Amino acid sequence: MAMIRKANQRGYQRALPGIERKTLVYGERTLLTELRCFGDISPELA
């Protein structure tokens, strides 16, 4: 199994308005998630 892979645009899900998330790796006690912020993000979220 490859530990490092080339990034792709598939697999992102909307978490909140202006924020998308993508699970990169998960295990029994571990979760690594990528978050992308775009557009006009509320100051409360920044």
N, C-alpha and C. Protein backbone atom coordinates (compact mmCIF):
# COMPACT_ATOMS: atom_id res chain seq x y z
N MET A 1 0.84 -1.18 0.00
CA MET A 1 0.00 0.00 0.00
C MET A 1 0.89 1.24 0.00
N ALA A 2 0.59 2.18 -0.87
CA ALA A 2 1.37 3.41 -0.97
C ALA A 2 1.01 4.38 0.15
N MET A 3 2.01 4.92 0.80
CA MET A 3 1.78 5.90 1.86
C MET A 3 1.66 7.31 1.30
N ILE A 4 2.29 7.57 0.18
CA ILE A 4 2.25 8.88 -0.45
C ILE A 4 1.62 8.72 -1.82
N ARG A 5 0.59 9.51 -2.06
CA ARG A 5 -0.09 9.45 -3.35
C ARG A 5 -0.24 10.84 -3.91
N LYS A 6 -0.38 10.93 -5.21
CA LYS A 6 -0.61 12.20 -5.87
C LYS A 6 -2.01 12.71 -5.50
N ALA A 7 -2.11 13.99 -5.20
CA ALA A 7 -3.39 14.59 -4.82
C ALA A 7 -4.36 14.56 -5.99
N ASN A 8 -5.65 14.41 -5.68
CA ASN A 8 -6.67 14.50 -6.71
C ASN A 8 -7.85 15.30 -6.17
N GLN A 9 -8.74 15.70 -7.04
CA GLN A 9 -9.86 16.56 -6.68
C GLN A 9 -11.10 15.78 -6.25
N ARG A 10 -11.07 14.46 -6.34
CA ARG A 10 -12.24 13.66 -5.99
C ARG A 10 -12.31 13.42 -4.49
N GLY A 11 -13.50 13.18 -3.99
CA GLY A 11 -13.66 12.76 -2.62
C GLY A 11 -13.94 13.85 -1.61
N TYR A 12 -14.06 15.10 -2.03
CA TYR A 12 -14.34 16.18 -1.09
C TYR A 12 -15.84 16.24 -0.81
N GLN A 13 -16.17 16.49 0.45
CA GLN A 13 -17.56 16.65 0.85
C GLN A 13 -17.72 17.98 1.55
N ARG A 14 -18.87 18.61 1.36
CA ARG A 14 -19.13 19.90 2.00
C ARG A 14 -19.32 19.69 3.50
N ALA A 15 -18.52 20.39 4.29
CA ALA A 15 -18.63 20.32 5.75
C ALA A 15 -19.51 21.46 6.26
N LEU A 16 -19.21 22.66 5.81
CA LEU A 16 -19.95 23.88 6.14
C LEU A 16 -19.89 24.78 4.92
N PRO A 17 -20.69 25.83 4.84
CA PRO A 17 -20.57 26.74 3.71
C PRO A 17 -19.14 27.28 3.60
N GLY A 18 -18.51 27.08 2.46
CA GLY A 18 -17.16 27.56 2.24
C GLY A 18 -16.06 26.62 2.71
N ILE A 19 -16.43 25.45 3.21
CA ILE A 19 -15.43 24.49 3.71
C ILE A 19 -15.75 23.10 3.17
N GLU A 20 -14.74 22.47 2.59
CA GLU A 20 -14.86 21.09 2.13
C GLU A 20 -13.87 20.23 2.90
N ARG A 21 -14.20 18.97 3.11
CA ARG A 21 -13.30 18.06 3.83
C ARG A 21 -13.11 16.78 3.02
N LYS A 22 -11.97 16.16 3.26
CA LYS A 22 -11.64 14.91 2.60
C LYS A 22 -10.86 14.05 3.59
N THR A 23 -11.34 12.85 3.86
CA THR A 23 -10.63 11.94 4.75
C THR A 23 -9.46 11.34 3.98
N LEU A 24 -8.26 11.51 4.50
CA LEU A 24 -7.06 10.99 3.85
C LEU A 24 -6.69 9.61 4.38
N VAL A 25 -6.71 9.45 5.71
CA VAL A 25 -6.34 8.19 6.34
C VAL A 25 -7.17 8.04 7.60
N TYR A 26 -7.60 6.83 7.89
CA TYR A 26 -8.29 6.59 9.15
C TYR A 26 -7.92 5.21 9.68
N GLY A 27 -8.01 5.09 10.96
CA GLY A 27 -7.71 3.83 11.63
C GLY A 27 -8.53 3.72 12.89
N GLU A 28 -8.21 2.76 13.70
CA GLU A 28 -8.97 2.53 14.92
C GLU A 28 -8.94 3.73 15.86
N ARG A 29 -7.77 4.40 15.93
CA ARG A 29 -7.63 5.54 16.85
C ARG A 29 -7.06 6.78 16.16
N THR A 30 -7.15 6.84 14.84
CA THR A 30 -6.52 7.92 14.08
C THR A 30 -7.44 8.40 12.96
N LEU A 31 -7.43 9.70 12.70
CA LEU A 31 -8.15 10.27 11.57
C LEU A 31 -7.33 11.45 11.05
N LEU A 32 -7.01 11.45 9.76
CA LEU A 32 -6.31 12.55 9.12
C LEU A 32 -7.22 13.09 8.03
N THR A 33 -7.60 14.37 8.16
CA THR A 33 -8.55 14.99 7.25
C THR A 33 -7.95 16.25 6.65
N GLU A 34 -8.19 16.45 5.37
CA GLU A 34 -7.79 17.69 4.69
C GLU A 34 -9.01 18.60 4.63
N LEU A 35 -8.82 19.86 5.01
CA LEU A 35 -9.89 20.85 4.92
C LEU A 35 -9.50 21.91 3.90
N ARG A 36 -10.45 22.28 3.03
CA ARG A 36 -10.23 23.35 2.05
C ARG A 36 -11.23 24.46 2.33
N CYS A 37 -10.73 25.67 2.45
CA CYS A 37 -11.57 26.86 2.67
C CYS A 37 -11.55 27.69 1.40
N PHE A 38 -12.72 28.19 1.01
CA PHE A 38 -12.81 28.99 -0.20
C PHE A 38 -13.98 29.96 -0.08
N GLY A 39 -13.98 30.95 -0.95
CA GLY A 39 -15.08 31.91 -0.97
C GLY A 39 -15.04 32.85 0.22
N ASP A 40 -16.20 33.37 0.54
CA ASP A 40 -16.34 34.33 1.64
C ASP A 40 -16.64 33.55 2.92
N ILE A 41 -15.63 33.37 3.74
CA ILE A 41 -15.78 32.61 4.98
C ILE A 41 -16.12 33.56 6.11
N SER A 42 -17.08 33.17 6.90
CA SER A 42 -17.52 33.98 8.03
C SER A 42 -16.37 34.20 9.01
N PRO A 43 -16.23 35.38 9.60
CA PRO A 43 -15.17 35.63 10.59
C PRO A 43 -15.23 34.67 11.78
N GLU A 44 -16.42 34.16 12.10
CA GLU A 44 -16.57 33.22 13.21
C GLU A 44 -15.84 31.91 12.93
N LEU A 45 -15.68 31.57 11.65
CA LEU A 45 -15.03 30.32 11.28
C LEU A 45 -13.55 30.49 11.03
N ALA A 46 -13.09 31.70 10.86
CA ALA A 46 -11.68 31.95 10.52
C ALA A 46 -10.79 31.83 11.73
